[in-house]
Amino acid sequence: MPAPTPYATLLGFTRYVDRTGPAKANFVGSLRKQRASRSGFNPHGQLVKALKADIAFRTGGRHLAEIVTVVKPRWRPLYEALVPGATTYLRSLGEPPAAALAQTRDALGMVGGLPVKINPHLGLRYDDGHAEAVRLHFDESPPSEEAVLATLHLMARHMEHVLPHAEPVLVDLRRGVAHRRDPAARADQIERWLAGEAAAFAAIWSTPA
């Protein structure tokens, strides 16, 4: 059976650029195996739904508080670690939130020759009219500067498809901190950097295990 063609989600690609040396090859190898076996499970889905519900119904964190008690016991420690920061982020939107949910769409971007799926977790449209497309970062460690730069750049690059005229935001959910683009960042330099990273990703993917 032929190996699956190189492909990455936004999360997978940004985690890749965050690694160095042999860790890059090991990470791509694990992604390739996961893709071939069609395995993978997202433990954060119920948390995202609870956060969306609190924004949509302006319930001040009630759904986030409740989800800790109803999630499967194996995921409860994870949710207990995530909910305080998620509640902090929710409150940063205003009490009640000065934003409503907005429909986003996934996009498939090409970084060099590598297809990368651009998939925000939620969209927000504020009372003043501006909008944001939001990715959530769930890891124990804060997102690195490289991960923030890559995530926000790739989301901005495809924003007309994802949520027209919106700004990209990466929320470090454990700490409730929102990262936005640095106006001084050079888009052309970021593009060259990411194209090089994508070429290396594809080369590792295509190398026999």
N, C-alpha and C. Protein backbone atom coordinates (compact mmCIF):
# COMPACT_ATOMS: atom_id res chain seq x y z
N MET A 1 0.85 -1.19 0.00
CA MET A 1 0.00 0.00 0.00
C MET A 1 0.89 1.24 0.00
N PRO A 2 0.64 2.21 -0.92
CA PRO A 2 1.49 3.40 -0.96
C PRO A 2 1.32 4.26 0.28
N ALA A 3 2.39 4.97 0.62
CA ALA A 3 2.33 5.86 1.79
C ALA A 3 1.39 7.02 1.50
N PRO A 4 0.68 7.52 2.51
CA PRO A 4 -0.20 8.67 2.28
C PRO A 4 0.61 9.89 1.88
N THR A 5 0.01 10.73 1.06
CA THR A 5 0.72 11.94 0.60
C THR A 5 0.91 12.90 1.77
N PRO A 6 1.97 13.72 1.74
CA PRO A 6 2.22 14.67 2.83
C PRO A 6 1.03 15.62 3.04
N TYR A 7 0.69 15.82 4.29
CA TYR A 7 -0.45 16.66 4.66
C TYR A 7 -0.31 17.00 6.14
N ALA A 8 -0.76 18.20 6.52
CA ALA A 8 -0.71 18.57 7.94
C ALA A 8 -1.91 19.43 8.29
N THR A 9 -2.36 19.30 9.52
CA THR A 9 -3.31 20.27 10.06
C THR A 9 -2.50 21.48 10.55
N LEU A 10 -3.18 22.56 10.83
CA LEU A 10 -2.51 23.74 11.36
C LEU A 10 -1.81 23.39 12.68
N LEU A 11 -2.48 22.61 13.53
CA LEU A 11 -1.88 22.21 14.80
C LEU A 11 -0.63 21.37 14.56
N GLY A 12 -0.73 20.38 13.67
CA GLY A 12 0.41 19.52 13.41
C GLY A 12 1.59 20.29 12.85
N PHE A 13 1.33 21.20 11.91
CA PHE A 13 2.42 21.94 11.29
C PHE A 13 3.09 22.90 12.27
N THR A 14 2.29 23.57 13.11
CA THR A 14 2.89 24.50 14.06
C THR A 14 3.65 23.75 15.16
N ARG A 15 3.19 22.56 15.52
CA ARG A 15 3.96 21.75 16.47
C ARG A 15 5.27 21.29 15.84
N TYR A 16 5.23 21.04 14.55
CA TYR A 16 6.45 20.63 13.84
C TYR A 16 7.49 21.76 13.84
N VAL A 17 7.08 22.97 13.49
CA VAL A 17 8.04 24.07 13.40
C VAL A 17 8.64 24.40 14.76
N ASP A 18 7.95 23.99 15.81
CA ASP A 18 8.40 24.24 17.18
C ASP A 18 9.50 23.28 17.62
N ARG A 19 9.73 22.23 16.85
CA ARG A 19 10.72 21.22 17.22
C ARG A 19 12.04 21.44 16.51
N THR A 20 13.09 20.81 17.03
CA THR A 20 14.42 20.93 16.43
C THR A 20 15.05 19.55 16.30
N GLY A 21 16.01 19.45 15.37
CA GLY A 21 16.81 18.24 15.23
C GLY A 21 15.99 16.98 15.00
N PRO A 22 16.41 15.87 15.60
CA PRO A 22 15.74 14.58 15.38
C PRO A 22 14.27 14.58 15.81
N ALA A 23 13.91 15.48 16.73
CA ALA A 23 12.51 15.54 17.18
C ALA A 23 11.57 15.87 16.02
N LYS A 24 12.05 16.62 15.03
CA LYS A 24 11.22 16.94 13.87
C LYS A 24 10.86 15.66 13.12
N ALA A 25 11.88 14.82 12.84
CA ALA A 25 11.64 13.58 12.09
C ALA A 25 10.74 12.64 12.87
N ASN A 26 10.97 12.52 14.16
CA ASN A 26 10.14 11.64 14.99
C ASN A 26 8.68 12.10 14.97
N PHE A 27 8.49 13.41 15.03
CA PHE A 27 7.13 13.95 15.05
C PHE A 27 6.42 13.69 13.73
N VAL A 28 7.10 13.95 12.62
CA VAL A 28 6.48 13.71 11.31
C VAL A 28 6.17 12.22 11.13
N GLY A 29 7.08 11.35 11.60
CA GLY A 29 6.84 9.92 11.51
C GLY A 29 5.58 9.51 12.25
N SER A 30 5.36 10.09 13.43
CA SER A 30 4.16 9.76 14.21
C SER A 30 2.91 10.27 13.51
N LEU A 31 2.98 11.45 12.89
CA LEU A 31 1.83 11.97 12.14
C LEU A 31 1.51 11.07 10.95
N ARG A 32 2.54 10.61 10.26
CA ARG A 32 2.35 9.75 9.09
C ARG A 32 1.67 8.44 9.49
N LYS A 33 2.12 7.85 10.60
CA LYS A 33 1.51 6.60 11.07
C LYS A 33 0.06 6.83 11.48
N GLN A 34 -0.19 7.94 12.14
CA GLN A 34 -1.54 8.27 12.57
C GLN A 34 -2.46 8.43 11.37
N ARG A 35 -1.95 9.09 10.34
CA ARG A 35 -2.75 9.30 9.13
C ARG A 35 -3.02 7.97 8.44
N ALA A 36 -2.02 7.10 8.35
CA ALA A 36 -2.18 5.82 7.67
C ALA A 36 -3.19 4.94 8.39
N SER A 37 -3.20 5.02 9.72
CA SER A 37 -4.11 4.18 10.49
C SER A 37 -5.46 4.86 10.76
N ARG A 38 -5.56 6.13 10.32
CA ARG A 38 -6.78 6.94 10.54
C ARG A 38 -7.14 7.02 12.03
N SER A 39 -6.11 7.01 12.87
CA SER A 39 -6.34 7.09 14.30
C SER A 39 -6.27 8.55 14.75
N GLY A 40 -6.56 8.75 16.00
CA GLY A 40 -6.53 10.12 16.54
C GLY A 40 -7.85 10.45 17.20
N PHE A 41 -7.78 11.10 18.35
CA PHE A 41 -8.98 11.45 19.10
C PHE A 41 -8.77 12.83 19.70
N ASN A 42 -9.80 13.66 19.62
CA ASN A 42 -9.73 15.00 20.17
C ASN A 42 -10.44 15.04 21.52
N PRO A 43 -9.68 15.13 22.63
CA PRO A 43 -10.32 15.13 23.95
C PRO A 43 -10.92 16.48 24.34
N HIS A 44 -10.72 17.51 23.50
CA HIS A 44 -11.11 18.86 23.89
C HIS A 44 -12.48 19.28 23.36
N GLY A 45 -13.14 18.40 22.60
CA GLY A 45 -14.36 18.81 21.92
C GLY A 45 -15.45 19.33 22.84
N GLN A 46 -15.66 18.65 23.97
CA GLN A 46 -16.72 19.08 24.89
C GLN A 46 -16.41 20.43 25.55
N LEU A 47 -15.12 20.67 25.76
CA LEU A 47 -14.73 21.96 26.35
C LEU A 47 -15.02 23.09 25.38
N VAL A 48 -14.70 22.88 24.12
CA VAL A 48 -14.95 23.91 23.11
C VAL A 48 -16.45 24.18 23.01
N LYS A 49 -17.26 23.13 23.04
CA LYS A 49 -18.72 23.30 22.99
C LYS A 49 -19.21 24.10 24.18
N ALA A 50 -18.67 23.83 25.38
CA ALA A 50 -19.09 24.55 26.58
C ALA A 50 -18.71 26.03 26.49
N LEU A 51 -17.50 26.31 26.00
CA LEU A 51 -17.08 27.71 25.84
C LEU A 51 -17.98 28.42 24.84
N LYS A 52 -18.29 27.76 23.74
CA LYS A 52 -19.18 28.37 22.74
C LYS A 52 -20.57 28.64 23.33
N ALA A 53 -21.05 27.68 24.14
CA ALA A 53 -22.38 27.86 24.74
C ALA A 53 -22.39 29.06 25.68
N ASP A 54 -21.33 29.23 26.47
CA ASP A 54 -21.28 30.37 27.38
C ASP A 54 -21.21 31.70 26.62
N ILE A 55 -20.55 31.69 25.46
CA ILE A 55 -20.53 32.91 24.65
C ILE A 55 -21.90 33.16 24.02
N ALA A 56 -22.47 32.10 23.44
CA ALA A 56 -23.73 32.25 22.71
C ALA A 56 -24.88 32.65 23.63
N PHE A 57 -24.95 32.01 24.80
CA PHE A 57 -26.08 32.25 25.70
C PHE A 57 -25.77 33.23 26.83
N ARG A 58 -24.52 33.74 26.82
CA ARG A 58 -24.10 34.75 27.79
C ARG A 58 -24.36 34.28 29.22
N THR A 59 -23.87 33.05 29.49
CA THR A 59 -24.15 32.41 30.77
C THR A 59 -22.98 32.50 31.74
N GLY A 60 -21.99 33.33 31.44
CA GLY A 60 -20.97 33.68 32.42
C GLY A 60 -20.08 32.56 32.92
N GLY A 61 -19.94 31.49 32.15
CA GLY A 61 -19.06 30.39 32.55
C GLY A 61 -19.79 29.20 33.15
N ARG A 62 -21.12 29.22 33.16
CA ARG A 62 -21.88 28.11 33.77
C ARG A 62 -21.63 26.80 33.03
N HIS A 63 -21.61 26.86 31.70
CA HIS A 63 -21.39 25.64 30.92
C HIS A 63 -19.97 25.11 31.13
N LEU A 64 -19.00 26.01 31.24
CA LEU A 64 -17.62 25.57 31.50
C LEU A 64 -17.52 24.90 32.87
N ALA A 65 -18.18 25.46 33.87
CA ALA A 65 -18.13 24.87 35.21
C ALA A 65 -18.80 23.50 35.22
N GLU A 66 -19.90 23.36 34.49
CA GLU A 66 -20.65 22.10 34.49
C GLU A 66 -19.91 20.99 33.74
N ILE A 67 -19.16 21.35 32.71
CA ILE A 67 -18.55 20.31 31.88
C ILE A 67 -17.55 19.48 32.67
N VAL A 68 -16.92 20.07 33.67
CA VAL A 68 -15.95 19.33 34.49
C VAL A 68 -16.63 18.18 35.22
N THR A 69 -17.89 18.35 35.57
CA THR A 69 -18.60 17.33 36.34
C THR A 69 -19.19 16.23 35.47
N VAL A 70 -19.34 16.47 34.17
CA VAL A 70 -19.99 15.47 33.32
C VAL A 70 -19.04 14.78 32.34
N VAL A 71 -17.83 15.32 32.18
CA VAL A 71 -16.87 14.69 31.27
C VAL A 71 -16.43 13.35 31.84
N LYS A 72 -16.01 12.44 30.98
CA LYS A 72 -15.57 11.12 31.45
C LYS A 72 -14.44 11.27 32.49
N PRO A 73 -14.43 10.42 33.49
CA PRO A 73 -13.43 10.55 34.57
C PRO A 73 -12.00 10.62 34.08
N ARG A 74 -11.67 9.92 33.01
CA ARG A 74 -10.28 9.93 32.54
C ARG A 74 -9.85 11.31 32.04
N TRP A 75 -10.85 12.13 31.61
CA TRP A 75 -10.53 13.46 31.08
C TRP A 75 -10.72 14.55 32.12
N ARG A 76 -11.22 14.19 33.31
CA ARG A 76 -11.54 15.23 34.30
C ARG A 76 -10.32 16.04 34.73
N PRO A 77 -9.16 15.42 35.00
CA PRO A 77 -7.99 16.24 35.36
C PRO A 77 -7.60 17.24 34.27
N LEU A 78 -7.72 16.83 33.01
CA LEU A 78 -7.42 17.74 31.91
C LEU A 78 -8.39 18.92 31.93
N TYR A 79 -9.66 18.65 32.09
CA TYR A 79 -10.65 19.73 32.09
C TYR A 79 -10.51 20.63 33.31
N GLU A 80 -10.17 20.03 34.44
CA GLU A 80 -9.95 20.85 35.64
C GLU A 80 -8.78 21.81 35.46
N ALA A 81 -7.80 21.39 34.64
CA ALA A 81 -6.65 22.25 34.37
C ALA A 81 -6.98 23.34 33.35
N LEU A 82 -7.93 23.05 32.46
CA LEU A 82 -8.23 23.98 31.37
C LEU A 82 -9.33 24.99 31.69
N VAL A 83 -10.30 24.58 32.49
CA VAL A 83 -11.48 25.43 32.69
C VAL A 83 -11.16 26.78 33.34
N PRO A 84 -10.28 26.88 34.36
CA PRO A 84 -10.02 28.21 34.93
C PRO A 84 -9.51 29.21 33.89
N GLY A 85 -8.56 28.79 33.04
CA GLY A 85 -8.06 29.70 32.01
C GLY A 85 -9.11 30.01 30.97
N ALA A 86 -9.93 29.00 30.62
CA ALA A 86 -11.00 29.24 29.65
C ALA A 86 -12.00 30.24 30.21
N THR A 87 -12.26 30.17 31.51
CA THR A 87 -13.17 31.13 32.15
C THR A 87 -12.57 32.53 32.17
N THR A 88 -11.26 32.61 32.40
CA THR A 88 -10.57 33.91 32.34
C THR A 88 -10.70 34.52 30.95
N TYR A 89 -10.49 33.70 29.92
CA TYR A 89 -10.64 34.19 28.54
C TYR A 89 -12.07 34.64 28.29
N LEU A 90 -13.05 33.83 28.72
CA LEU A 90 -14.45 34.20 28.52
C LEU A 90 -14.74 35.57 29.14
N ARG A 91 -14.24 35.79 30.36
CA ARG A 91 -14.49 37.07 31.03
C ARG A 91 -13.80 38.24 30.33
N SER A 92 -12.70 37.94 29.63
CA SER A 92 -12.01 39.00 28.89
C SER A 92 -12.85 39.53 27.72
N LEU A 93 -13.86 38.76 27.33
CA LEU A 93 -14.75 39.20 26.25
C LEU A 93 -15.82 40.16 26.74
N GLY A 94 -15.85 40.38 28.06
CA GLY A 94 -16.86 41.25 28.67
C GLY A 94 -17.86 40.42 29.45
N GLU A 95 -18.50 41.03 30.41
CA GLU A 95 -19.51 40.34 31.23
C GLU A 95 -20.81 41.16 31.22
N PRO A 96 -21.79 40.72 30.41
CA PRO A 96 -21.80 39.57 29.50
C PRO A 96 -20.90 39.83 28.29
N PRO A 97 -20.55 38.76 27.54
CA PRO A 97 -19.64 38.93 26.40
C PRO A 97 -20.15 39.96 25.40
N ALA A 98 -19.23 40.83 24.97
CA ALA A 98 -19.58 41.84 23.96
C ALA A 98 -19.37 41.26 22.56
N ALA A 99 -19.55 39.95 22.42
CA ALA A 99 -19.33 39.28 21.15
C ALA A 99 -20.33 38.16 21.00
N ALA A 100 -20.66 37.85 19.76
CA ALA A 100 -21.51 36.70 19.43
C ALA A 100 -20.69 35.74 18.58
N LEU A 101 -21.10 34.48 18.55
CA LEU A 101 -20.41 33.51 17.71
C LEU A 101 -20.64 33.84 16.24
N ALA A 102 -19.61 33.66 15.45
CA ALA A 102 -19.68 33.85 14.00
C ALA A 102 -19.26 32.55 13.33
N GLN A 103 -19.89 32.24 12.22
CA GLN A 103 -19.60 31.00 11.51
C GLN A 103 -18.25 31.09 10.80
N THR A 104 -17.37 30.13 11.04
CA THR A 104 -16.10 30.07 10.32
C THR A 104 -16.11 28.87 9.38
N ARG A 105 -15.19 28.90 8.42
CA ARG A 105 -15.02 27.76 7.51
C ARG A 105 -13.56 27.34 7.55
N ASP A 106 -13.32 26.06 7.37
CA ASP A 106 -11.96 25.57 7.24
C ASP A 106 -11.43 25.93 5.86
N ALA A 107 -10.13 26.05 5.76
CA ALA A 107 -9.49 26.32 4.47
C ALA A 107 -8.34 25.33 4.29
N LEU A 108 -8.01 25.03 3.06
CA LEU A 108 -6.84 24.20 2.77
C LEU A 108 -5.81 25.09 2.08
N GLY A 109 -4.74 25.39 2.80
CA GLY A 109 -3.70 26.26 2.26
C GLY A 109 -2.50 25.45 1.79
N MET A 110 -1.76 26.00 0.85
CA MET A 110 -0.53 25.38 0.40
C MET A 110 0.64 26.19 0.96
N VAL A 111 1.47 25.53 1.73
CA VAL A 111 2.68 26.16 2.26
C VAL A 111 3.83 25.48 1.53
N GLY A 112 4.45 26.22 0.59
CA GLY A 112 5.33 25.54 -0.34
C GLY A 112 4.48 24.54 -1.11
N GLY A 113 4.86 23.29 -1.11
CA GLY A 113 4.04 22.26 -1.75
C GLY A 113 3.26 21.42 -0.76
N LEU A 114 3.20 21.86 0.50
CA LEU A 114 2.55 21.07 1.55
C LEU A 114 1.13 21.58 1.81
N PRO A 115 0.11 20.72 1.67
CA PRO A 115 -1.25 21.13 2.05
C PRO A 115 -1.38 21.22 3.57
N VAL A 116 -1.90 22.33 4.05
CA VAL A 116 -2.10 22.53 5.49
C VAL A 116 -3.54 22.96 5.72
N LYS A 117 -4.24 22.22 6.58
CA LYS A 117 -5.64 22.54 6.88
C LYS A 117 -5.70 23.65 7.92
N ILE A 118 -6.35 24.76 7.57
CA ILE A 118 -6.49 25.91 8.45
C ILE A 118 -7.87 25.81 9.11
N ASN A 119 -7.90 25.52 10.41
CA ASN A 119 -9.19 25.22 11.05
C ASN A 119 -9.32 25.91 12.41
N PRO A 120 -9.92 27.10 12.44
CA PRO A 120 -10.14 27.77 13.73
C PRO A 120 -11.15 27.00 14.58
N HIS A 121 -11.10 27.22 15.89
CA HIS A 121 -12.07 26.59 16.78
C HIS A 121 -13.38 27.35 16.85
N LEU A 122 -13.31 28.68 16.70
CA LEU A 122 -14.54 29.47 16.75
C LEU A 122 -14.32 30.83 16.12
N GLY A 123 -15.42 31.46 15.78
CA GLY A 123 -15.39 32.82 15.26
C GLY A 123 -16.19 33.73 16.18
N LEU A 124 -15.76 34.98 16.29
CA LEU A 124 -16.44 35.96 17.13
C LEU A 124 -16.72 37.23 16.33
N ARG A 125 -17.92 37.76 16.51
CA ARG A 125 -18.22 39.07 15.94
C ARG A 125 -18.66 39.99 17.08
N TYR A 126 -17.88 41.05 17.30
CA TYR A 126 -18.10 41.93 18.44
C TYR A 126 -19.20 42.95 18.16
N ASP A 127 -19.70 43.52 19.23
CA ASP A 127 -20.79 44.50 19.12
C ASP A 127 -20.36 45.71 18.29
N ASP A 128 -19.06 46.03 18.27
CA ASP A 128 -18.59 47.18 17.49
C ASP A 128 -18.35 46.82 16.03
N GLY A 129 -18.59 45.57 15.65
CA GLY A 129 -18.50 45.18 14.25
C GLY A 129 -17.25 44.40 13.87
N HIS A 130 -16.18 44.48 14.66
CA HIS A 130 -14.97 43.75 14.24
C HIS A 130 -15.12 42.27 14.60
N ALA A 131 -14.35 41.45 13.92
CA ALA A 131 -14.49 39.99 14.06
C ALA A 131 -13.12 39.35 14.30
N GLU A 132 -13.15 38.18 14.92
CA GLU A 132 -11.93 37.41 15.18
C GLU A 132 -12.18 35.94 14.86
N ALA A 133 -11.17 35.30 14.27
CA ALA A 133 -11.16 33.84 14.11
C ALA A 133 -10.16 33.31 15.14
N VAL A 134 -10.61 32.38 15.98
CA VAL A 134 -9.85 31.99 17.17
C VAL A 134 -9.41 30.54 17.10
N ARG A 135 -8.11 30.33 17.30
CA ARG A 135 -7.56 29.00 17.55
C ARG A 135 -7.27 28.90 19.04
N LEU A 136 -7.50 27.73 19.62
CA LEU A 136 -7.25 27.51 21.04
C LEU A 136 -6.02 26.63 21.21
N HIS A 137 -5.16 27.01 22.15
CA HIS A 137 -3.94 26.25 22.47
C HIS A 137 -4.18 25.60 23.82
N PHE A 138 -4.14 24.25 23.86
CA PHE A 138 -4.52 23.52 25.06
C PHE A 138 -3.31 22.98 25.84
N ASP A 139 -2.12 23.05 25.29
CA ASP A 139 -0.97 22.35 25.88
C ASP A 139 -0.57 22.94 27.23
N GLU A 140 0.15 22.11 28.01
CA GLU A 140 0.63 22.56 29.32
C GLU A 140 1.59 23.74 29.19
N SER A 141 2.48 23.68 28.21
CA SER A 141 3.43 24.78 27.99
C SER A 141 2.78 25.87 27.15
N PRO A 142 3.11 27.13 27.40
CA PRO A 142 2.59 28.20 26.54
C PRO A 142 3.07 28.01 25.11
N PRO A 143 2.35 28.55 24.13
CA PRO A 143 2.82 28.45 22.74
C PRO A 143 4.12 29.23 22.58
N SER A 144 5.06 28.66 21.84
CA SER A 144 6.32 29.36 21.59
C SER A 144 6.10 30.53 20.65
N GLU A 145 7.09 31.40 20.59
CA GLU A 145 7.02 32.53 19.65
C GLU A 145 6.84 32.05 18.23
N GLU A 146 7.53 30.94 17.87
CA GLU A 146 7.43 30.40 16.51
C GLU A 146 6.02 29.87 16.23
N ALA A 147 5.45 29.17 17.21
CA ALA A 147 4.10 28.63 17.03
C ALA A 147 3.08 29.74 16.88
N VAL A 148 3.21 30.79 17.69
CA VAL A 148 2.29 31.93 17.59
C VAL A 148 2.42 32.58 16.22
N LEU A 149 3.65 32.81 15.80
CA LEU A 149 3.90 33.48 14.52
C LEU A 149 3.32 32.69 13.36
N ALA A 150 3.58 31.37 13.36
CA ALA A 150 3.11 30.53 12.25
C ALA A 150 1.59 30.43 12.25
N THR A 151 0.99 30.23 13.41
CA THR A 151 -0.46 30.08 13.49
C THR A 151 -1.17 31.34 13.01
N LEU A 152 -0.78 32.49 13.52
CA LEU A 152 -1.46 33.73 13.17
C LEU A 152 -1.23 34.10 11.70
N HIS A 153 -0.03 33.84 11.20
CA HIS A 153 0.25 34.16 9.79
C HIS A 153 -0.59 33.30 8.86
N LEU A 154 -0.64 32.00 9.12
CA LEU A 154 -1.38 31.11 8.21
C LEU A 154 -2.88 31.35 8.30
N MET A 155 -3.38 31.67 9.48
CA MET A 155 -4.80 32.01 9.57
C MET A 155 -5.10 33.31 8.81
N ALA A 156 -4.25 34.31 8.99
CA ALA A 156 -4.46 35.59 8.30
C ALA A 156 -4.40 35.42 6.79
N ARG A 157 -3.51 34.57 6.35
CA ARG A 157 -3.30 34.33 4.93
C ARG A 157 -4.57 33.80 4.24
N HIS A 158 -5.41 33.09 4.98
CA HIS A 158 -6.61 32.47 4.40
C HIS A 158 -7.89 33.03 5.01
N MET A 159 -7.80 34.22 5.60
CA MET A 159 -8.93 34.75 6.35
C MET A 159 -10.14 35.05 5.46
N GLU A 160 -9.93 35.41 4.22
CA GLU A 160 -11.07 35.72 3.36
C GLU A 160 -11.97 34.51 3.16
N HIS A 161 -11.40 33.32 3.32
CA HIS A 161 -12.20 32.10 3.25
C HIS A 161 -12.71 31.70 4.63
N VAL A 162 -11.86 31.85 5.64
CA VAL A 162 -12.18 31.39 6.99
C VAL A 162 -13.28 32.24 7.62
N LEU A 163 -13.08 33.55 7.67
CA LEU A 163 -14.06 34.50 8.21
C LEU A 163 -13.67 35.88 7.67
N PRO A 164 -14.27 36.31 6.57
CA PRO A 164 -13.84 37.53 5.90
C PRO A 164 -13.74 38.74 6.83
N HIS A 165 -12.61 39.45 6.67
CA HIS A 165 -12.32 40.71 7.39
C HIS A 165 -12.08 40.52 8.88
N ALA A 166 -11.87 39.28 9.30
CA ALA A 166 -11.60 39.03 10.72
C ALA A 166 -10.11 39.05 11.00
N GLU A 167 -9.76 39.18 12.26
CA GLU A 167 -8.38 39.11 12.71
C GLU A 167 -8.13 37.73 13.33
N PRO A 168 -6.95 37.15 13.10
CA PRO A 168 -6.65 35.87 13.74
C PRO A 168 -6.21 36.06 15.19
N VAL A 169 -6.61 35.14 16.04
CA VAL A 169 -6.23 35.17 17.45
C VAL A 169 -5.88 33.74 17.88
N LEU A 170 -4.79 33.61 18.63
CA LEU A 170 -4.43 32.33 19.23
C LEU A 170 -4.56 32.50 20.74
N VAL A 171 -5.45 31.71 21.36
CA VAL A 171 -5.70 31.82 22.80
C VAL A 171 -4.99 30.68 23.52
N ASP A 172 -4.09 31.04 24.41
CA ASP A 172 -3.43 30.09 25.31
C ASP A 172 -4.44 29.81 26.42
N LEU A 173 -5.18 28.71 26.27
CA LEU A 173 -6.37 28.51 27.09
C LEU A 173 -6.05 28.26 28.56
N ARG A 174 -4.93 27.61 28.85
CA ARG A 174 -4.63 27.32 30.27
C ARG A 174 -4.36 28.60 31.05
N ARG A 175 -3.86 29.60 30.36
CA ARG A 175 -3.54 30.87 31.03
C ARG A 175 -4.53 31.98 30.68
N GLY A 176 -5.46 31.69 29.79
CA GLY A 176 -6.47 32.68 29.42
C GLY A 176 -5.90 33.88 28.69
N VAL A 177 -4.79 33.67 27.96
CA VAL A 177 -4.09 34.78 27.29
C VAL A 177 -4.32 34.71 25.79
N ALA A 178 -4.70 35.83 25.19
CA ALA A 178 -4.93 35.91 23.75
C ALA A 178 -3.71 36.53 23.05
N HIS A 179 -3.21 35.87 22.02
CA HIS A 179 -2.09 36.37 21.22
C HIS A 179 -2.62 36.89 19.89
N ARG A 180 -2.19 38.08 19.52
CA ARG A 180 -2.58 38.68 18.24
C ARG A 180 -1.34 39.04 17.44
N ARG A 181 -1.53 39.33 16.17
CA ARG A 181 -0.39 39.58 15.28
C ARG A 181 0.41 40.82 15.68
N ASP A 182 1.70 40.72 15.49
CA ASP A 182 2.61 41.84 15.70
C ASP A 182 2.65 42.65 14.41
N PRO A 183 2.22 43.92 14.44
CA PRO A 183 2.20 44.73 13.21
C PRO A 183 3.58 44.86 12.56
N ALA A 184 4.64 44.67 13.37
CA ALA A 184 5.99 44.83 12.83
C ALA A 184 6.50 43.57 12.13
N ALA A 185 5.78 42.47 12.26
CA ALA A 185 6.24 41.21 11.65
C ALA A 185 6.20 41.32 10.13
N ARG A 186 7.25 40.83 9.49
CA ARG A 186 7.37 40.88 8.02
C ARG A 186 6.77 39.63 7.41
N ALA A 187 5.64 39.81 6.69
CA ALA A 187 4.94 38.67 6.11
C ALA A 187 5.81 37.92 5.10
N ASP A 188 6.62 38.63 4.33
CA ASP A 188 7.46 37.97 3.32
C ASP A 188 8.52 37.09 3.98
N GLN A 189 9.07 37.54 5.08
CA GLN A 189 10.07 36.74 5.80
C GLN A 189 9.43 35.50 6.43
N ILE A 190 8.23 35.67 6.97
CA ILE A 190 7.52 34.52 7.56
C ILE A 190 7.20 33.50 6.48
N GLU A 191 6.78 33.98 5.31
CA GLU A 191 6.47 33.08 4.19
C GLU A 191 7.69 32.24 3.80
N ARG A 192 8.84 32.88 3.70
CA ARG A 192 10.06 32.15 3.31
C ARG A 192 10.42 31.11 4.37
N TRP A 193 10.32 31.50 5.62
CA TRP A 193 10.61 30.58 6.72
C TRP A 193 9.68 29.37 6.67
N LEU A 194 8.38 29.62 6.54
CA LEU A 194 7.41 28.53 6.55
C LEU A 194 7.55 27.64 5.32
N ALA A 195 7.89 28.24 4.17
CA ALA A 195 8.09 27.43 2.96
C ALA A 195 9.25 26.46 3.16
N GLY A 196 10.32 26.92 3.80
CA GLY A 196 11.44 26.04 4.08
C GLY A 196 11.07 24.93 5.04
N GLU A 197 10.30 25.27 6.08
CA GLU A 197 9.84 24.27 7.04
C GLU A 197 8.93 23.24 6.36
N ALA A 198 8.07 23.72 5.47
CA ALA A 198 7.14 22.82 4.77
C ALA A 198 7.89 21.86 3.85
N ALA A 199 8.92 22.36 3.17
CA ALA A 199 9.71 21.50 2.28
C ALA A 199 10.40 20.40 3.08
N ALA A 200 10.92 20.75 4.24
CA ALA A 200 11.58 19.75 5.09
C ALA A 200 10.56 18.75 5.62
N PHE A 201 9.39 19.22 6.01
CA PHE A 201 8.31 18.34 6.48
C PHE A 201 7.97 17.31 5.40
N ALA A 202 7.75 17.78 4.17
CA ALA A 202 7.38 16.88 3.08
C ALA A 202 8.48 15.88 2.78
N ALA A 203 9.74 16.34 2.86
CA ALA A 203 10.86 15.44 2.58
C ALA A 203 10.94 14.34 3.64
N ILE A 204 10.75 14.69 4.91
CA ILE A 204 10.78 13.70 5.99
C ILE A 204 9.61 12.71 5.81
N TRP A 205 8.45 13.25 5.50
CA TRP A 205 7.25 12.42 5.32
C TRP A 205 7.47 11.37 4.22
N SER A 206 8.15 11.79 3.16
CA SER A 206 8.30 10.92 1.98
C SER A 206 9.47 9.95 2.11
N THR A 207 10.28 10.10 3.17
CA THR A 207 11.40 9.19 3.39
C THR A 207 10.89 7.89 4.00
N PRO A 208 11.25 6.74 3.43
CA PRO A 208 10.75 5.47 4.00
C PRO A 208 11.14 5.35 5.47
N ALA A 209 10.20 4.84 6.26
CA ALA A 209 10.45 4.68 7.70
C ALA A 209 11.50 3.61 7.94
